[in-house]
Amino acid sequence: MQRRLGPERACTLVRDTRIEMSRDKLDVAKRLTDAYNRRDVACTFAELVTPDFEWYPAIATALDGGGGYRGREGIEKFAADTRENWEELQALPEEFRDLGDRVLVLGRLSGRGKGSGAPVDTPYAGILDFRGERIWRSRMYLDRDEGLRAAGLSDEPGVA
C-alpha cells in the first residue's frame, strides 16, 4: 500500500531532493502545477519561483486583457481570488516541452464556478520563463494557438 503525503510534506521533499541533484526545468514546471493546484504559495516561493515572479493566469487574461499578479503578495491575492470565485479549479497538464529557457505546458483547465456552479473544461497553453533554476514568469492562454505563437511555435501541425 502506497502512502500519500499531504501537501505540507510535498515542499519539504522538494527541498531535500534538491540538495542531492540538479533540478530539471520540466520537473520544476510539474512541481509548479502541483503547487498551483494546492494553492501552495509557501512552497511556490520557497522552491520554484523568483521573488519577483509574475503570473498571468489564462482566465484573467481572457476576461480583462492581461491582468497579472506579481511577487508573493500578488500570488497570495491570486489564491484568494481563486478561492472566492471558484468552487474548484485545477490545471490538468497533458504535455511539457523544454524550450531552453522556457517550458511550454499544454493541458486543460477544469473547474466549477462558485456562484453559478457552471462547469469549465477548456484547453490551455502555458509558457513558464526561467531565470536559472527558478521560474520568473508564467503566461497562460485559453487559446492554444495564441500560446504556441507566444512560445515561437506557431502553426505547429498536430497540436490542438
N, C-alpha and C. Protein backbone atom coordinates (compact mmCIF):
# COMPACT_ATOMS: atom_id res chain seq x y z
N MET A 1 0.84 -1.18 0.00
CA MET A 1 0.00 0.00 0.00
C MET A 1 0.88 1.24 0.00
N GLN A 2 0.67 2.10 -0.97
CA GLN A 2 1.48 3.30 -1.08
C GLN A 2 0.88 4.41 -0.23
N ARG A 3 1.72 5.07 0.56
CA ARG A 3 1.27 6.14 1.43
C ARG A 3 1.39 7.47 0.71
N ARG A 4 0.32 8.26 0.71
CA ARG A 4 0.35 9.59 0.09
C ARG A 4 0.76 10.62 1.13
N LEU A 5 1.57 11.55 0.70
CA LEU A 5 1.99 12.63 1.58
C LEU A 5 1.03 13.79 1.43
N GLY A 6 0.77 14.45 2.51
CA GLY A 6 -0.07 15.64 2.47
C GLY A 6 0.69 16.79 1.83
N PRO A 7 0.00 17.85 1.44
CA PRO A 7 0.62 18.99 0.78
C PRO A 7 1.72 19.63 1.62
N GLU A 8 1.58 19.57 2.95
CA GLU A 8 2.59 20.19 3.80
C GLU A 8 3.94 19.49 3.70
N ARG A 9 3.99 18.21 3.30
CA ARG A 9 5.24 17.48 3.16
C ARG A 9 5.83 17.59 1.76
N ALA A 10 5.02 17.92 0.77
CA ALA A 10 5.50 17.94 -0.61
C ALA A 10 6.64 18.93 -0.80
N CYS A 11 6.53 20.10 -0.21
CA CYS A 11 7.57 21.11 -0.35
C CYS A 11 8.86 20.65 0.35
N THR A 12 8.73 20.03 1.51
CA THR A 12 9.89 19.53 2.24
C THR A 12 10.65 18.51 1.41
N LEU A 13 9.93 17.62 0.74
CA LEU A 13 10.58 16.61 -0.09
C LEU A 13 11.30 17.26 -1.27
N VAL A 14 10.71 18.28 -1.86
CA VAL A 14 11.38 19.00 -2.94
C VAL A 14 12.69 19.58 -2.42
N ARG A 15 12.64 20.18 -1.25
CA ARG A 15 13.82 20.81 -0.68
C ARG A 15 14.90 19.76 -0.41
N ASP A 16 14.54 18.62 0.17
CA ASP A 16 15.51 17.58 0.47
C ASP A 16 16.12 17.00 -0.80
N THR A 17 15.30 16.75 -1.81
CA THR A 17 15.76 16.18 -3.06
C THR A 17 16.69 17.14 -3.79
N ARG A 18 16.39 18.43 -3.75
CA ARG A 18 17.17 19.43 -4.48
C ARG A 18 18.62 19.45 -4.01
N ILE A 19 18.85 19.16 -2.75
CA ILE A 19 20.19 19.16 -2.22
C ILE A 19 21.05 18.12 -2.92
N GLU A 20 20.45 16.98 -3.27
CA GLU A 20 21.20 15.86 -3.83
C GLU A 20 21.38 15.90 -5.33
N MET A 21 20.52 16.61 -6.07
CA MET A 21 20.66 16.60 -7.51
C MET A 21 20.18 17.90 -8.12
N SER A 22 20.70 18.21 -9.27
CA SER A 22 20.30 19.38 -10.00
C SER A 22 18.86 19.24 -10.48
N ARG A 23 18.11 20.34 -10.44
CA ARG A 23 16.71 20.27 -10.85
C ARG A 23 16.57 20.47 -12.36
N ASP A 24 15.72 19.71 -12.94
CA ASP A 24 15.39 19.79 -14.35
C ASP A 24 14.22 20.75 -14.52
N LYS A 25 14.25 21.57 -15.56
CA LYS A 25 13.18 22.56 -15.78
C LYS A 25 11.81 21.90 -15.92
N LEU A 26 11.74 20.76 -16.57
CA LEU A 26 10.45 20.08 -16.70
C LEU A 26 9.92 19.65 -15.33
N ASP A 27 10.81 19.20 -14.46
CA ASP A 27 10.42 18.82 -13.12
C ASP A 27 9.91 20.03 -12.34
N VAL A 28 10.60 21.16 -12.47
CA VAL A 28 10.16 22.38 -11.79
C VAL A 28 8.78 22.79 -12.30
N ALA A 29 8.57 22.70 -13.62
CA ALA A 29 7.27 23.04 -14.20
C ALA A 29 6.17 22.13 -13.64
N LYS A 30 6.45 20.85 -13.53
CA LYS A 30 5.47 19.91 -12.99
C LYS A 30 5.17 20.21 -11.53
N ARG A 31 6.20 20.56 -10.79
CA ARG A 31 6.01 20.88 -9.37
C ARG A 31 5.22 22.18 -9.20
N LEU A 32 5.43 23.14 -10.11
CA LEU A 32 4.65 24.37 -10.04
C LEU A 32 3.17 24.07 -10.28
N THR A 33 2.87 23.19 -11.23
CA THR A 33 1.48 22.82 -11.49
C THR A 33 0.87 22.19 -10.24
N ASP A 34 1.61 21.31 -9.59
CA ASP A 34 1.12 20.69 -8.35
C ASP A 34 0.87 21.74 -7.27
N ALA A 35 1.81 22.67 -7.10
CA ALA A 35 1.66 23.72 -6.09
C ALA A 35 0.47 24.62 -6.44
N TYR A 36 0.29 24.92 -7.73
CA TYR A 36 -0.86 25.72 -8.18
C TYR A 36 -2.16 25.03 -7.80
N ASN A 37 -2.26 23.76 -8.07
CA ASN A 37 -3.49 23.02 -7.79
C ASN A 37 -3.79 22.94 -6.29
N ARG A 38 -2.77 23.05 -5.45
CA ARG A 38 -2.95 23.07 -3.99
C ARG A 38 -3.06 24.49 -3.45
N ARG A 39 -2.80 25.50 -4.33
CA ARG A 39 -2.73 26.91 -3.93
C ARG A 39 -1.68 27.07 -2.82
N ASP A 40 -0.55 26.39 -3.01
CA ASP A 40 0.53 26.36 -2.02
C ASP A 40 1.55 27.46 -2.31
N VAL A 41 1.26 28.65 -1.81
CA VAL A 41 2.11 29.82 -2.06
C VAL A 41 3.47 29.65 -1.37
N ALA A 42 3.49 29.10 -0.17
CA ALA A 42 4.75 28.93 0.56
C ALA A 42 5.74 28.07 -0.22
N CYS A 43 5.30 26.92 -0.70
CA CYS A 43 6.17 26.03 -1.46
C CYS A 43 6.59 26.68 -2.77
N THR A 44 5.64 27.38 -3.42
CA THR A 44 5.93 28.03 -4.68
C THR A 44 7.13 28.98 -4.54
N PHE A 45 7.12 29.81 -3.51
CA PHE A 45 8.19 30.79 -3.35
C PHE A 45 9.44 30.19 -2.70
N ALA A 46 9.29 29.16 -1.88
CA ALA A 46 10.45 28.55 -1.25
C ALA A 46 11.31 27.79 -2.25
N GLU A 47 10.67 27.18 -3.26
CA GLU A 47 11.40 26.25 -4.11
C GLU A 47 11.36 26.50 -5.61
N LEU A 48 10.36 27.19 -6.12
CA LEU A 48 10.09 27.11 -7.55
C LEU A 48 10.22 28.42 -8.33
N VAL A 49 9.93 29.54 -7.71
CA VAL A 49 9.88 30.80 -8.44
C VAL A 49 10.79 31.85 -7.81
N THR A 50 11.07 32.90 -8.59
CA THR A 50 11.87 34.02 -8.10
C THR A 50 10.99 34.93 -7.22
N PRO A 51 11.61 35.74 -6.37
CA PRO A 51 10.82 36.65 -5.51
C PRO A 51 9.95 37.63 -6.32
N ASP A 52 10.39 37.98 -7.53
CA ASP A 52 9.63 38.93 -8.36
C ASP A 52 8.76 38.21 -9.39
N PHE A 53 8.41 36.97 -9.13
CA PHE A 53 7.60 36.14 -10.02
C PHE A 53 6.36 36.88 -10.51
N GLU A 54 6.09 36.73 -11.81
CA GLU A 54 4.90 37.33 -12.44
C GLU A 54 4.01 36.21 -12.95
N TRP A 55 2.70 36.30 -12.63
CA TRP A 55 1.73 35.28 -13.00
C TRP A 55 0.63 35.94 -13.81
N TYR A 56 0.43 35.46 -15.03
CA TYR A 56 -0.63 35.95 -15.90
C TYR A 56 -1.56 34.77 -16.18
N PRO A 57 -2.56 34.55 -15.30
CA PRO A 57 -3.44 33.39 -15.46
C PRO A 57 -4.34 33.50 -16.68
N ALA A 58 -4.65 32.38 -17.28
CA ALA A 58 -5.42 32.32 -18.52
C ALA A 58 -6.78 32.97 -18.39
N ILE A 59 -7.48 32.68 -17.33
CA ILE A 59 -8.84 33.19 -17.19
C ILE A 59 -8.83 34.70 -16.99
N ALA A 60 -7.91 35.22 -16.19
CA ALA A 60 -7.82 36.68 -16.01
C ALA A 60 -7.42 37.36 -17.31
N THR A 61 -6.51 36.74 -18.05
CA THR A 61 -6.09 37.30 -19.33
C THR A 61 -7.26 37.34 -20.30
N ALA A 62 -8.07 36.29 -20.34
CA ALA A 62 -9.21 36.23 -21.25
C ALA A 62 -10.29 37.23 -20.85
N LEU A 63 -10.48 37.44 -19.53
CA LEU A 63 -11.56 38.31 -19.07
C LEU A 63 -11.21 39.79 -19.11
N ASP A 64 -10.00 40.14 -18.69
CA ASP A 64 -9.69 41.56 -18.60
C ASP A 64 -8.49 42.00 -19.42
N GLY A 65 -8.04 41.15 -20.32
CA GLY A 65 -6.98 41.55 -21.23
C GLY A 65 -5.57 41.47 -20.69
N GLY A 66 -5.35 40.75 -19.61
CA GLY A 66 -3.97 40.53 -19.22
C GLY A 66 -3.59 40.91 -17.81
N GLY A 67 -4.57 41.16 -16.95
CA GLY A 67 -4.23 41.48 -15.57
C GLY A 67 -3.40 40.38 -14.96
N GLY A 68 -2.30 40.75 -14.33
CA GLY A 68 -1.42 39.76 -13.75
C GLY A 68 -1.19 40.00 -12.28
N TYR A 69 -0.41 39.13 -11.69
CA TYR A 69 -0.07 39.19 -10.27
C TYR A 69 1.45 39.15 -10.17
N ARG A 70 2.03 39.89 -9.21
CA ARG A 70 3.48 39.93 -9.08
C ARG A 70 3.90 39.72 -7.63
N GLY A 71 4.97 38.94 -7.48
CA GLY A 71 5.54 38.70 -6.15
C GLY A 71 4.64 37.86 -5.26
N ARG A 72 5.14 37.61 -4.07
CA ARG A 72 4.40 36.74 -3.14
C ARG A 72 3.04 37.33 -2.78
N GLU A 73 2.99 38.61 -2.53
CA GLU A 73 1.72 39.25 -2.18
C GLU A 73 0.70 39.10 -3.32
N GLY A 74 1.15 39.26 -4.54
CA GLY A 74 0.28 39.11 -5.69
C GLY A 74 -0.24 37.69 -5.83
N ILE A 75 0.64 36.71 -5.60
CA ILE A 75 0.22 35.32 -5.73
C ILE A 75 -0.73 34.93 -4.61
N GLU A 76 -0.51 35.48 -3.42
CA GLU A 76 -1.47 35.24 -2.34
C GLU A 76 -2.84 35.82 -2.70
N LYS A 77 -2.86 36.98 -3.35
CA LYS A 77 -4.12 37.58 -3.82
C LYS A 77 -4.77 36.69 -4.88
N PHE A 78 -3.96 36.17 -5.80
CA PHE A 78 -4.49 35.25 -6.82
C PHE A 78 -5.16 34.04 -6.16
N ALA A 79 -4.48 33.43 -5.18
CA ALA A 79 -5.04 32.26 -4.50
C ALA A 79 -6.35 32.63 -3.81
N ALA A 80 -6.40 33.81 -3.17
CA ALA A 80 -7.63 34.25 -2.52
C ALA A 80 -8.73 34.52 -3.54
N ASP A 81 -8.38 35.17 -4.65
CA ASP A 81 -9.36 35.42 -5.72
C ASP A 81 -9.92 34.10 -6.26
N THR A 82 -9.05 33.11 -6.42
CA THR A 82 -9.48 31.81 -6.93
C THR A 82 -10.44 31.15 -5.96
N ARG A 83 -10.09 31.16 -4.67
CA ARG A 83 -10.98 30.56 -3.66
C ARG A 83 -12.33 31.28 -3.62
N GLU A 84 -12.32 32.59 -3.83
CA GLU A 84 -13.54 33.38 -3.78
C GLU A 84 -14.47 33.10 -4.97
N ASN A 85 -13.89 32.86 -6.15
CA ASN A 85 -14.68 32.75 -7.38
C ASN A 85 -14.90 31.34 -7.90
N TRP A 86 -14.13 30.38 -7.40
CA TRP A 86 -14.20 29.02 -7.94
C TRP A 86 -14.43 28.01 -6.83
N GLU A 87 -15.42 27.16 -7.03
CA GLU A 87 -15.62 26.03 -6.12
C GLU A 87 -14.42 25.10 -6.24
N GLU A 88 -13.96 24.92 -7.46
CA GLU A 88 -12.74 24.17 -7.75
C GLU A 88 -12.19 24.65 -9.08
N LEU A 89 -10.88 24.64 -9.19
CA LEU A 89 -10.21 24.99 -10.44
C LEU A 89 -8.85 24.30 -10.44
N GLN A 90 -8.65 23.43 -11.41
CA GLN A 90 -7.42 22.64 -11.48
C GLN A 90 -6.81 22.74 -12.87
N ALA A 91 -5.49 22.81 -12.91
CA ALA A 91 -4.76 22.70 -14.17
C ALA A 91 -4.42 21.22 -14.35
N LEU A 92 -4.78 20.70 -15.51
CA LEU A 92 -4.54 19.28 -15.82
C LEU A 92 -3.58 19.21 -17.00
N PRO A 93 -2.28 19.24 -16.72
CA PRO A 93 -1.31 19.24 -17.82
C PRO A 93 -1.30 17.92 -18.58
N GLU A 94 -1.13 18.03 -19.89
CA GLU A 94 -1.05 16.85 -20.75
C GLU A 94 0.33 16.70 -21.37
N GLU A 95 1.04 17.81 -21.50
CA GLU A 95 2.35 17.77 -22.16
C GLU A 95 3.22 18.91 -21.65
N PHE A 96 4.50 18.60 -21.41
CA PHE A 96 5.51 19.59 -21.04
C PHE A 96 6.61 19.53 -22.09
N ARG A 97 7.01 20.70 -22.62
CA ARG A 97 8.09 20.75 -23.60
C ARG A 97 9.18 21.71 -23.13
N ASP A 98 10.41 21.23 -23.09
CA ASP A 98 11.55 22.05 -22.74
C ASP A 98 11.95 22.89 -23.96
N LEU A 99 11.89 24.21 -23.81
CA LEU A 99 12.25 25.13 -24.90
C LEU A 99 13.49 25.94 -24.54
N GLY A 100 14.38 25.36 -23.76
CA GLY A 100 15.60 26.07 -23.37
C GLY A 100 15.37 26.85 -22.09
N ASP A 101 15.19 28.16 -22.21
CA ASP A 101 14.96 28.98 -21.02
C ASP A 101 13.47 29.12 -20.70
N ARG A 102 12.64 28.33 -21.37
CA ARG A 102 11.20 28.31 -21.16
C ARG A 102 10.70 26.88 -21.21
N VAL A 103 9.55 26.66 -20.60
CA VAL A 103 8.85 25.38 -20.71
C VAL A 103 7.44 25.68 -21.19
N LEU A 104 7.00 24.96 -22.21
CA LEU A 104 5.64 25.05 -22.72
C LEU A 104 4.82 23.95 -22.06
N VAL A 105 3.66 24.32 -21.53
CA VAL A 105 2.75 23.36 -20.92
C VAL A 105 1.44 23.40 -21.71
N LEU A 106 1.00 22.24 -22.17
CA LEU A 106 -0.29 22.12 -22.84
C LEU A 106 -1.18 21.24 -21.98
N GLY A 107 -2.40 21.70 -21.74
CA GLY A 107 -3.29 20.93 -20.89
C GLY A 107 -4.70 21.46 -20.92
N ARG A 108 -5.42 21.17 -19.84
CA ARG A 108 -6.82 21.61 -19.72
C ARG A 108 -7.01 22.25 -18.35
N LEU A 109 -7.86 23.27 -18.31
CA LEU A 109 -8.33 23.82 -17.04
C LEU A 109 -9.71 23.23 -16.79
N SER A 110 -9.90 22.73 -15.59
CA SER A 110 -11.17 22.11 -15.24
C SER A 110 -11.63 22.66 -13.91
N GLY A 111 -12.89 23.03 -13.83
CA GLY A 111 -13.39 23.55 -12.57
C GLY A 111 -14.87 23.81 -12.59
N ARG A 112 -15.30 24.50 -11.53
CA ARG A 112 -16.71 24.83 -11.39
C ARG A 112 -16.80 26.17 -10.67
N GLY A 113 -17.57 27.08 -11.25
CA GLY A 113 -17.76 28.40 -10.65
C GLY A 113 -18.44 28.31 -9.30
N LYS A 114 -18.03 29.19 -8.39
CA LYS A 114 -18.59 29.14 -7.04
C LYS A 114 -20.05 29.60 -7.01
N GLY A 115 -20.34 30.74 -7.58
CA GLY A 115 -21.70 31.26 -7.53
C GLY A 115 -22.66 30.53 -8.45
N SER A 116 -22.21 30.25 -9.66
CA SER A 116 -23.10 29.67 -10.67
C SER A 116 -23.11 28.15 -10.68
N GLY A 117 -22.04 27.56 -10.23
CA GLY A 117 -21.90 26.11 -10.33
C GLY A 117 -21.61 25.65 -11.74
N ALA A 118 -21.39 26.61 -12.65
CA ALA A 118 -21.15 26.28 -14.06
C ALA A 118 -19.80 25.56 -14.20
N PRO A 119 -19.80 24.45 -14.94
CA PRO A 119 -18.54 23.73 -15.16
C PRO A 119 -17.69 24.42 -16.22
N VAL A 120 -16.38 24.28 -16.05
CA VAL A 120 -15.40 24.78 -17.03
C VAL A 120 -14.48 23.63 -17.37
N ASP A 121 -14.27 23.41 -18.64
CA ASP A 121 -13.31 22.42 -19.11
C ASP A 121 -12.80 22.94 -20.45
N THR A 122 -11.60 23.49 -20.44
CA THR A 122 -11.10 24.16 -21.63
C THR A 122 -9.60 23.92 -21.77
N PRO A 123 -9.11 23.84 -23.01
CA PRO A 123 -7.68 23.69 -23.22
C PRO A 123 -6.94 24.98 -22.84
N TYR A 124 -5.68 24.82 -22.48
CA TYR A 124 -4.83 25.98 -22.23
C TYR A 124 -3.41 25.68 -22.71
N ALA A 125 -2.68 26.75 -22.92
CA ALA A 125 -1.23 26.67 -23.18
C ALA A 125 -0.57 27.60 -22.18
N GLY A 126 0.50 27.14 -21.60
CA GLY A 126 1.24 27.96 -20.64
C GLY A 126 2.70 28.04 -21.02
N ILE A 127 3.28 29.20 -20.78
CA ILE A 127 4.71 29.39 -21.01
C ILE A 127 5.32 29.79 -19.68
N LEU A 128 6.27 29.00 -19.22
CA LEU A 128 6.98 29.28 -17.97
C LEU A 128 8.38 29.74 -18.33
N ASP A 129 8.70 30.98 -18.01
CA ASP A 129 10.01 31.55 -18.31
C ASP A 129 10.93 31.38 -17.10
N PHE A 130 12.14 30.88 -17.34
CA PHE A 130 13.10 30.58 -16.27
C PHE A 130 14.20 31.62 -16.20
N ARG A 131 14.65 31.85 -14.98
CA ARG A 131 15.88 32.58 -14.69
C ARG A 131 16.67 31.63 -13.80
N GLY A 132 17.69 31.00 -14.39
CA GLY A 132 18.41 29.96 -13.66
C GLY A 132 17.51 28.76 -13.49
N GLU A 133 17.41 28.25 -12.26
CA GLU A 133 16.58 27.08 -11.97
C GLU A 133 15.17 27.44 -11.52
N ARG A 134 14.86 28.74 -11.49
CA ARG A 134 13.56 29.16 -10.99
C ARG A 134 12.75 29.86 -12.08
N ILE A 135 11.45 29.79 -11.94
CA ILE A 135 10.53 30.42 -12.88
C ILE A 135 10.35 31.88 -12.47
N TRP A 136 10.50 32.80 -13.41
CA TRP A 136 10.28 34.21 -13.08
C TRP A 136 8.96 34.74 -13.65
N ARG A 137 8.39 34.02 -14.65
CA ARG A 137 7.13 34.48 -15.23
C ARG A 137 6.34 33.28 -15.75
N SER A 138 5.02 33.35 -15.57
CA SER A 138 4.11 32.34 -16.09
C SER A 138 3.03 33.06 -16.88
N ARG A 139 2.90 32.67 -18.16
CA ARG A 139 1.87 33.26 -19.03
C ARG A 139 0.97 32.13 -19.51
N MET A 140 -0.31 32.26 -19.26
CA MET A 140 -1.27 31.22 -19.63
C MET A 140 -2.26 31.76 -20.65
N TYR A 141 -2.66 30.90 -21.57
CA TYR A 141 -3.57 31.27 -22.66
C TYR A 141 -4.67 30.21 -22.79
N LEU A 142 -5.91 30.67 -22.92
CA LEU A 142 -7.02 29.76 -23.19
C LEU A 142 -7.05 29.35 -24.65
N ASP A 143 -6.43 30.15 -25.50
CA ASP A 143 -6.32 29.85 -26.93
C ASP A 143 -4.94 29.22 -27.15
N ARG A 144 -4.91 27.92 -27.40
CA ARG A 144 -3.62 27.23 -27.57
C ARG A 144 -2.80 27.80 -28.70
N ASP A 145 -3.44 28.19 -29.81
CA ASP A 145 -2.70 28.78 -30.93
C ASP A 145 -1.99 30.05 -30.49
N GLU A 146 -2.68 30.87 -29.70
CA GLU A 146 -2.06 32.10 -29.19
C GLU A 146 -0.87 31.76 -28.30
N GLY A 147 -1.02 30.76 -27.46
CA GLY A 147 0.08 30.32 -26.60
C GLY A 147 1.26 29.79 -27.40
N LEU A 148 0.98 29.01 -28.43
CA LEU A 148 2.04 28.48 -29.29
C LEU A 148 2.77 29.62 -30.01
N ARG A 149 2.01 30.61 -30.48
CA ARG A 149 2.64 31.77 -31.12
C ARG A 149 3.52 32.52 -30.15
N ALA A 150 3.04 32.70 -28.91
CA ALA A 150 3.83 33.39 -27.90
C ALA A 150 5.11 32.63 -27.56
N ALA A 151 5.07 31.31 -27.70
CA ALA A 151 6.25 30.47 -27.45
C ALA A 151 7.15 30.36 -28.67
N GLY A 152 6.74 30.98 -29.79
CA GLY A 152 7.52 30.91 -31.02
C GLY A 152 7.32 29.61 -31.78
N LEU A 153 6.18 28.94 -31.56
CA LEU A 153 5.89 27.65 -32.18
C LEU A 153 4.62 27.69 -33.01
N SER A 154 4.33 28.82 -33.62
CA SER A 154 3.07 28.95 -34.34
C SER A 154 2.98 27.99 -35.51
N ASP A 155 1.73 27.66 -35.84
CA ASP A 155 1.41 26.80 -36.97
C ASP A 155 2.03 25.41 -36.86
N GLU A 156 2.16 24.92 -35.64
CA GLU A 156 2.73 23.58 -35.46
C GLU A 156 1.66 22.54 -35.75
N PRO A 157 1.88 21.64 -36.70
CA PRO A 157 0.86 20.65 -37.04
C PRO A 157 0.63 19.66 -35.92
N GLY A 158 -0.63 19.24 -35.79
CA GLY A 158 -0.95 18.18 -34.84
C GLY A 158 -1.16 18.65 -33.42
N VAL A 159 -1.08 19.95 -33.15
CA VAL A 159 -1.29 20.44 -31.81
C VAL A 159 -2.64 21.13 -31.77
N ALA A 160 -3.54 20.58 -30.97
CA ALA A 160 -4.88 21.16 -30.88
C ALA A 160 -5.06 21.88 -29.58
